Amino acid sequence: MSPAIVVGDTVRVPEGALQVRAVRASGPGGQNVNKVATKVDLRVDLAAIEGLSEAARARLLALCRHRLDADGRLMVTSQVTRNQARNVEDARERVRALVAQALREPRPRKASRPSAGARQQRIDAKKRRSALKRERTRDDD
Protein backbone atom coordinates (compact mmCIF):
# COMPACT_ATOMS: atom_id res chain seq x y z
CA MET A 1 0.00 0.00 0.00
CA SER A 2 1.13 3.55 -0.60
CA PRO A 3 2.00 5.85 2.30
CA ALA A 4 -0.21 8.69 3.53
CA ILE A 5 -0.48 11.89 1.49
CA VAL A 6 0.80 14.82 3.59
CA VAL A 7 -0.86 18.09 2.57
CA GLY A 8 0.16 20.45 5.37
CA ASP A 9 1.41 20.48 8.94
CA THR A 10 -1.86 19.14 10.32
CA VAL A 11 -3.71 17.82 7.26
CA ARG A 12 -3.01 14.39 5.81
CA VAL A 13 -4.82 11.71 3.87
CA PRO A 14 -4.15 8.45 5.75
CA GLU A 15 -3.06 5.30 3.98
CA GLY A 16 -6.33 3.56 4.91
CA ALA A 17 -8.38 6.20 3.07
CA LEU A 18 -6.67 5.40 -0.26
CA GLN A 19 -7.67 2.62 -2.62
CA VAL A 20 -5.50 2.16 -5.72
CA ARG A 21 -6.59 0.04 -8.66
CA ALA A 22 -4.68 -0.46 -11.90
CA VAL A 23 -6.66 -0.84 -15.13
CA ARG A 24 -5.83 -0.95 -18.82
CA ALA A 25 -5.32 2.48 -20.32
CA SER A 26 -6.90 3.69 -23.53
CA GLY A 27 -5.14 5.47 -26.35
CA PRO A 28 -1.84 4.88 -28.16
CA GLY A 29 0.72 2.35 -27.02
CA GLY A 30 0.41 -0.56 -29.43
CA GLN A 31 0.38 -4.05 -27.97
CA ASN A 32 1.50 -2.64 -24.62
CA VAL A 33 -1.98 -1.13 -24.07
CA ASN A 34 -3.58 -4.55 -24.43
CA LYS A 35 -1.20 -6.30 -22.02
CA VAL A 36 -0.23 -3.90 -19.23
CA ALA A 37 -2.51 -2.17 -16.72
CA THR A 38 -0.86 1.24 -16.43
CA LYS A 39 -3.89 3.50 -15.89
CA VAL A 40 -4.45 4.17 -12.19
CA ASP A 41 -7.84 4.59 -10.53
CA LEU A 42 -7.32 6.18 -7.08
CA ARG A 43 -10.29 6.45 -4.72
CA VAL A 44 -10.14 8.55 -1.56
CA ASP A 45 -12.52 8.34 1.40
CA LEU A 46 -13.09 12.05 2.08
CA ALA A 47 -14.47 11.42 5.57
CA ALA A 48 -11.16 9.84 6.62
CA ILE A 49 -8.99 12.87 5.80
CA GLU A 50 -7.38 14.04 9.04
CA GLY A 51 -7.06 17.66 10.17
CA LEU A 52 -9.66 19.26 7.88
CA SER A 53 -11.92 21.91 9.39
CA GLU A 54 -15.64 21.72 8.62
CA ALA A 55 -15.37 24.73 6.30
CA ALA A 56 -12.45 23.19 4.40
CA ARG A 57 -14.30 19.86 4.20
CA ALA A 58 -17.32 21.66 2.70
CA ARG A 59 -15.06 23.45 0.18
CA LEU A 60 -13.45 20.11 -0.75
CA LEU A 61 -16.86 18.52 -1.31
CA ALA A 62 -17.88 21.46 -3.50
CA LEU A 63 -14.61 21.26 -5.48
CA CYS A 64 -14.93 17.56 -6.27
CA ARG A 65 -18.71 16.98 -6.29
CA HIS A 66 -18.57 15.83 -9.93
CA ARG A 67 -15.79 13.31 -9.17
CA LEU A 68 -17.58 11.42 -6.40
CA ASP A 69 -18.62 7.79 -6.82
CA ALA A 70 -21.81 6.21 -5.45
CA ASP A 71 -20.16 5.70 -2.03
CA GLY A 72 -19.11 9.36 -1.77
CA ARG A 73 -15.42 8.68 -2.42
CA LEU A 74 -13.30 10.95 -4.58
CA MET A 75 -12.23 9.27 -7.84
CA VAL A 76 -9.00 10.39 -9.48
CA THR A 77 -7.62 8.65 -12.56
CA SER A 78 -4.27 9.07 -14.24
CA GLN A 79 -2.97 7.64 -17.52
CA VAL A 80 -0.46 10.37 -18.31
CA THR A 81 2.52 8.02 -18.62
CA ARG A 82 3.01 4.41 -19.65
CA ASN A 83 4.43 3.65 -16.21
CA GLN A 84 2.02 2.56 -13.48
CA ALA A 85 4.18 3.87 -10.62
CA ARG A 86 4.41 7.33 -12.17
CA ASN A 87 0.64 7.36 -12.74
CA VAL A 88 0.11 6.51 -9.06
CA GLU A 89 2.33 9.46 -8.09
CA ASP A 90 0.47 11.74 -10.50
CA ALA A 91 -2.91 10.73 -9.04
CA ARG A 92 -1.62 11.22 -5.48
CA GLU A 93 -0.33 14.70 -6.43
CA ARG A 94 -3.74 15.59 -7.87
CA VAL A 95 -5.42 14.57 -4.61
CA ARG A 96 -2.87 16.59 -2.61
CA ALA A 97 -3.49 19.64 -4.82
CA LEU A 98 -7.28 19.32 -4.44
CA VAL A 99 -7.06 19.13 -0.64
CA ALA A 100 -4.57 22.03 -0.57
CA GLN A 101 -6.94 24.10 -2.70
CA ALA A 102 -9.79 23.36 -0.27
CA LEU A 103 -7.61 24.55 2.64
CA ARG A 104 -7.23 28.03 1.15
CA GLU A 105 -10.03 30.27 2.32
CA PRO A 106 -11.45 32.37 -0.52
CA ARG A 107 -11.11 36.12 -0.14
CA PRO A 108 -14.42 37.77 0.62
CA ARG A 109 -15.74 39.90 -2.20
CA LYS A 110 -15.83 43.59 -1.44
CA ALA A 111 -18.71 45.49 -2.99
CA SER A 112 -17.48 48.25 -5.25
CA ARG A 113 -19.03 51.09 -7.18
CA PRO A 114 -18.00 52.66 -10.45
CA SER A 115 -16.10 55.90 -10.04
CA ALA A 116 -17.77 59.24 -10.87
CA GLY A 117 -15.60 59.53 -13.98
CA ALA A 118 -16.61 56.05 -15.18
CA ARG A 119 -20.29 56.88 -14.65
CA GLN A 120 -19.89 60.12 -16.63
CA GLN A 121 -18.08 58.28 -19.43
CA ARG A 122 -20.93 55.78 -19.66
CA ILE A 123 -23.54 58.54 -19.86
CA ASP A 124 -21.51 60.39 -22.52
CA ALA A 125 -21.22 57.23 -24.61
CA LYS A 126 -24.98 56.69 -24.36
CA LYS A 127 -25.59 60.28 -25.46
CA ARG A 128 -23.24 59.90 -28.46
CA ARG A 129 -24.98 56.69 -29.50
CA SER A 130 -28.40 58.30 -29.09
CA ALA A 131 -27.36 61.27 -31.20
CA LEU A 132 -26.03 58.95 -33.92
CA LYS A 133 -29.33 57.07 -34.07
CA ARG A 134 -31.30 60.32 -34.00
CA GLU A 135 -29.39 61.55 -37.07
CA ARG A 136 -30.42 58.43 -39.02
CA THR A 137 -34.14 59.16 -38.73
CA ARG A 138 -35.90 61.00 -41.57
CA ASP A 139 -37.57 64.32 -41.03
CA ASP A 140 -41.00 64.16 -42.66
CA ASP A 141 -41.97 67.80 -41.80
C-alpha atoms as a PDB file:
ATOM      1  CA  MET A   1       0.000   0.000   0.000  1.00  0.00           C
ATOM      2  CA  SER A   2       1.132   3.546  -0.603  1.00  0.00           C
ATOM      3  CA  PRO A   3       2.002   5.854   2.299  1.00  0.00           C
ATOM      4  CA  ALA A   4      -0.205   8.694   3.532  1.00  0.00           C
ATOM      5  CA  ILE A   5      -0.478  11.890   1.493  1.00  0.00           C
ATOM      6  CA  VAL A   6       0.799  14.818   3.586  1.00  0.00           C
ATOM      7  CA  VAL A   7      -0.858  18.087   2.575  1.00  0.00           C
ATOM      8  CA  GLY A   8       0.165  20.449   5.365  1.00  0.00           C
ATOM      9  CA  ASP A   9       1.410  20.476   8.942  1.00  0.00           C
ATOM     10  CA  THR A  10      -1.864  19.137  10.318  1.00  0.00           C
ATOM     11  CA  VAL A  11      -3.710  17.818   7.259  1.00  0.00           C
ATOM     12  CA  ARG A  12      -3.014  14.389   5.808  1.00  0.00           C
ATOM     13  CA  VAL A  13      -4.822  11.711   3.873  1.00  0.00           C
ATOM     14  CA  PRO A  14      -4.147   8.451   5.751  1.00  0.00           C
ATOM     15  CA  GLU A  15      -3.060   5.300   3.982  1.00  0.00           C
ATOM     16  CA  GLY A  16      -6.331   3.562   4.910  1.00  0.00           C
ATOM     17  CA  ALA A  17      -8.382   6.198   3.065  1.00  0.00           C
ATOM     18  CA  LEU A  18      -6.675   5.404  -0.260  1.00  0.00           C
ATOM     19  CA  GLN A  19      -7.673   2.618  -2.620  1.00  0.00           C
ATOM     20  CA  VAL A  20      -5.501   2.156  -5.717  1.00  0.00           C
ATOM     21  CA  ARG A  21      -6.589   0.037  -8.659  1.00  0.00           C
ATOM     22  CA  ALA A  22      -4.683  -0.457 -11.904  1.00  0.00           C
ATOM     23  CA  VAL A  23      -6.664  -0.837 -15.126  1.00  0.00           C
ATOM     24  CA  ARG A  24      -5.828  -0.953 -18.816  1.00  0.00           C
ATOM     25  CA  ALA A  25      -5.324   2.479 -20.317  1.00  0.00           C
ATOM     26  CA  SER A  26      -6.896   3.690 -23.530  1.00  0.00           C
ATOM     27  CA  GLY A  27      -5.138   5.466 -26.355  1.00  0.00           C
ATOM     28  CA  PRO A  28      -1.841   4.877 -28.164  1.00  0.00           C
ATOM     29  CA  GLY A  29       0.724   2.351 -27.022  1.00  0.00           C
ATOM     30  CA  GLY A  30       0.406  -0.559 -29.430  1.00  0.00           C
ATOM     31  CA  GLN A  31       0.381  -4.046 -27.968  1.00  0.00           C
ATOM     32  CA  ASN A  32       1.502  -2.642 -24.621  1.00  0.00           C
ATOM     33  CA  VAL A  33      -1.975  -1.129 -24.070  1.00  0.00           C
ATOM     34  CA  ASN A  34      -3.584  -4.545 -24.430  1.00  0.00           C
ATOM     35  CA  LYS A  35      -1.196  -6.295 -22.024  1.00  0.00           C
ATOM     36  CA  VAL A  36      -0.225  -3.901 -19.234  1.00  0.00           C
ATOM     37  CA  ALA A  37      -2.514  -2.174 -16.723  1.00  0.00           C
ATOM     38  CA  THR A  38      -0.859   1.239 -16.430  1.00  0.00           C
ATOM     39  CA  LYS A  39      -3.886   3.495 -15.889  1.00  0.00           C
ATOM     40  CA  VAL A  40      -4.453   4.167 -12.194  1.00  0.00           C
ATOM     41  CA  ASP A  41      -7.837   4.594 -10.528  1.00  0.00           C
ATOM     42  CA  LEU A  42      -7.321   6.177  -7.078  1.00  0.00           C
ATOM     43  CA  ARG A  43     -10.285   6.454  -4.716  1.00  0.00           C
ATOM     44  CA  VAL A  44     -10.135   8.552  -1.557  1.00  0.00           C
ATOM     45  CA  ASP A  45     -12.522   8.344   1.396  1.00  0.00           C
ATOM     46  CA  LEU A  46     -13.089  12.052   2.079  1.00  0.00           C
ATOM     47  CA  ALA A  47     -14.472  11.419   5.569  1.00  0.00           C
ATOM     48  CA  ALA A  48     -11.163   9.837   6.621  1.00  0.00           C
ATOM     49  CA  ILE A  49      -8.990  12.871   5.799  1.00  0.00           C
ATOM     50  CA  GLU A  50      -7.376  14.037   9.037  1.00  0.00           C
ATOM     51  CA  GLY A  51      -7.064  17.655  10.170  1.00  0.00           C
ATOM     52  CA  LEU A  52      -9.663  19.261   7.883  1.00  0.00           C
ATOM     53  CA  SER A  53     -11.919  21.906   9.393  1.00  0.00           C
ATOM     54  CA  GLU A  54     -15.636  21.718   8.618  1.00  0.00           C
ATOM     55  CA  ALA A  55     -15.374  24.733   6.298  1.00  0.00           C
ATOM     56  CA  ALA A  56     -12.453  23.188   4.403  1.00  0.00           C
ATOM     57  CA  ARG A  57     -14.300  19.857   4.199  1.00  0.00           C
ATOM     58  CA  ALA A  58     -17.321  21.655   2.704  1.00  0.00           C
ATOM     59  CA  ARG A  59     -15.057  23.453   0.177  1.00  0.00           C
ATOM     60  CA  LEU A  60     -13.453  20.113  -0.749  1.00  0.00           C
ATOM     61  CA  LEU A  61     -16.864  18.516  -1.315  1.00  0.00           C
ATOM     62  CA  ALA A  62     -17.880  21.460  -3.503  1.00  0.00           C
ATOM     63  CA  LEU A  63     -14.614  21.258  -5.476  1.00  0.00           C
ATOM     64  CA  CYS A  64     -14.930  17.563  -6.270  1.00  0.00           C
ATOM     65  CA  ARG A  65     -18.705  16.979  -6.292  1.00  0.00           C
ATOM     66  CA  HIS A  66     -18.574  15.827  -9.931  1.00  0.00           C
ATOM     67  CA  ARG A  67     -15.793  13.313  -9.170  1.00  0.00           C
ATOM     68  CA  LEU A  68     -17.578  11.416  -6.396  1.00  0.00           C
ATOM     69  CA  ASP A  69     -18.617   7.787  -6.825  1.00  0.00           C
ATOM     70  CA  ALA A  70     -21.813   6.212  -5.448  1.00  0.00           C
ATOM     71  CA  ASP A  71     -20.160   5.696  -2.026  1.00  0.00           C
ATOM     72  CA  GLY A  72     -19.113   9.363  -1.767  1.00  0.00           C
ATOM     73  CA  ARG A  73     -15.424   8.679  -2.422  1.00  0.00           C
ATOM     74  CA  LEU A  74     -13.301  10.952  -4.582  1.00  0.00           C
ATOM     75  CA  MET A  75     -12.227   9.275  -7.837  1.00  0.00           C
ATOM     76  CA  VAL A  76      -8.998  10.394  -9.483  1.00  0.00           C
ATOM     77  CA  THR A  77      -7.616   8.646 -12.558  1.00  0.00           C
ATOM     78  CA  SER A  78      -4.268   9.069 -14.238  1.00  0.00           C
ATOM     79  CA  GLN A  79      -2.971   7.644 -17.517  1.00  0.00           C
ATOM     80  CA  VAL A  80      -0.458  10.373 -18.308  1.00  0.00           C
ATOM     81  CA  THR A  81       2.515   8.018 -18.619  1.00  0.00           C
ATOM     82  CA  ARG A  82       3.011   4.409 -19.650  1.00  0.00           C
ATOM     83  CA  ASN A  83       4.425   3.649 -16.210  1.00  0.00           C
ATOM     84  CA  GLN A  84       2.017   2.564 -13.482  1.00  0.00           C
ATOM     85  CA  ALA A  85       4.176   3.867 -10.616  1.00  0.00           C
ATOM     86  CA  ARG A  86       4.407   7.335 -12.172  1.00  0.00           C
ATOM     87  CA  ASN A  87       0.639   7.363 -12.741  1.00  0.00           C
ATOM     88  CA  VAL A  88       0.107   6.514  -9.056  1.00  0.00           C
ATOM     89  CA  GLU A  89       2.329   9.458  -8.086  1.00  0.00           C
ATOM     90  CA  ASP A  90       0.466  11.744 -10.501  1.00  0.00           C
ATOM     91  CA  ALA A  91      -2.909  10.731  -9.040  1.00  0.00           C
ATOM     92  CA  ARG A  92      -1.619  11.220  -5.483  1.00  0.00           C
ATOM     93  CA  GLU A  93      -0.333  14.697  -6.430  1.00  0.00           C
ATOM     94  CA  ARG A  94      -3.741  15.592  -7.874  1.00  0.00           C
ATOM     95  CA  VAL A  95      -5.419  14.570  -4.611  1.00  0.00           C
ATOM     96  CA  ARG A  96      -2.872  16.585  -2.608  1.00  0.00           C
ATOM     97  CA  ALA A  97      -3.491  19.637  -4.824  1.00  0.00           C
ATOM     98  CA  LEU A  98      -7.280  19.323  -4.443  1.00  0.00           C
ATOM     99  CA  VAL A  99      -7.062  19.133  -0.643  1.00  0.00           C
ATOM    100  CA  ALA A 100      -4.570  22.032  -0.568  1.00  0.00           C
ATOM    101  CA  GLN A 101      -6.939  24.100  -2.701  1.00  0.00           C
ATOM    102  CA  ALA A 102      -9.789  23.363  -0.269  1.00  0.00           C
ATOM    103  CA  LEU A 103      -7.607  24.546   2.638  1.00  0.00           C
ATOM    104  CA  ARG A 104      -7.226  28.032   1.148  1.00  0.00           C
ATOM    105  CA  GLU A 105     -10.027  30.275   2.317  1.00  0.00           C
ATOM    106  CA  PRO A 106     -11.452  32.367  -0.517  1.00  0.00           C
ATOM    107  CA  ARG A 107     -11.106  36.118  -0.143  1.00  0.00           C
ATOM    108  CA  PRO A 108     -14.423  37.767   0.623  1.00  0.00           C
ATOM    109  CA  ARG A 109     -15.741  39.903  -2.197  1.00  0.00           C
ATOM    110  CA  LYS A 110     -15.832  43.594  -1.436  1.00  0.00           C
ATOM    111  CA  ALA A 111     -18.714  45.489  -2.987  1.00  0.00           C
ATOM    112  CA  SER A 112     -17.477  48.245  -5.248  1.00  0.00           C
ATOM    113  CA  ARG A 113     -19.033  51.095  -7.177  1.00  0.00           C
ATOM    114  CA  PRO A 114     -17.999  52.660 -10.450  1.00  0.00           C
ATOM    115  CA  SER A 115     -16.103  55.903 -10.040  1.00  0.00           C
ATOM    116  CA  ALA A 116     -17.771  59.237 -10.869  1.00  0.00           C
ATOM    117  CA  GLY A 117     -15.600  59.529 -13.983  1.00  0.00           C
ATOM    118  CA  ALA A 118     -16.613  56.048 -15.176  1.00  0.00           C
ATOM    119  CA  ARG A 119     -20.292  56.882 -14.652  1.00  0.00           C
ATOM    120  CA  GLN A 120     -19.892  60.124 -16.628  1.00  0.00           C
ATOM    121  CA  GLN A 121     -18.076  58.278 -19.425  1.00  0.00           C
ATOM    122  CA  ARG A 122     -20.931  55.778 -19.662  1.00  0.00           C
ATOM    123  CA  ILE A 123     -23.544  58.542 -19.863  1.00  0.00           C
ATOM    124  CA  ASP A 124     -21.514  60.392 -22.524  1.00  0.00           C
ATOM    125  CA  ALA A 125     -21.217  57.227 -24.610  1.00  0.00           C
ATOM    126  CA  LYS A 126     -24.976  56.686 -24.364  1.00  0.00           C
ATOM    127  CA  LYS A 127     -25.594  60.281 -25.460  1.00  0.00           C
ATOM    128  CA  ARG A 128     -23.240  59.895 -28.455  1.00  0.00           C
ATOM    129  CA  ARG A 129     -24.979  56.687 -29.500  1.00  0.00           C
ATOM    130  CA  SER A 130     -28.400  58.305 -29.086  1.00  0.00           C
ATOM    131  CA  ALA A 131     -27.356  61.272 -31.205  1.00  0.00           C
ATOM    132  CA  LEU A 132     -26.027  58.951 -33.923  1.00  0.00           C
ATOM    133  CA  LYS A 133     -29.326  57.073 -34.070  1.00  0.00           C
ATOM    134  CA  ARG A 134     -31.304  60.316 -33.999  1.00  0.00           C
ATOM    135  CA  GLU A 135     -29.393  61.551 -37.074  1.00  0.00           C
ATOM    136  CA  ARG A 136     -30.416  58.429 -39.016  1.00  0.00           C
ATOM    137  CA  THR A 137     -34.143  59.159 -38.734  1.00  0.00           C
ATOM    138  CA  ARG A 138     -35.899  60.996 -41.570  1.00  0.00           C
ATOM    139  CA  ASP A 139     -37.573  64.321 -41.029  1.00  0.00           C
ATOM    140  CA  ASP A 140     -41.004  64.156 -42.664  1.00  0.00           C
ATOM    141  CA  ASP A 141     -41.966  67.797 -41.800  1.00  0.00           C
END
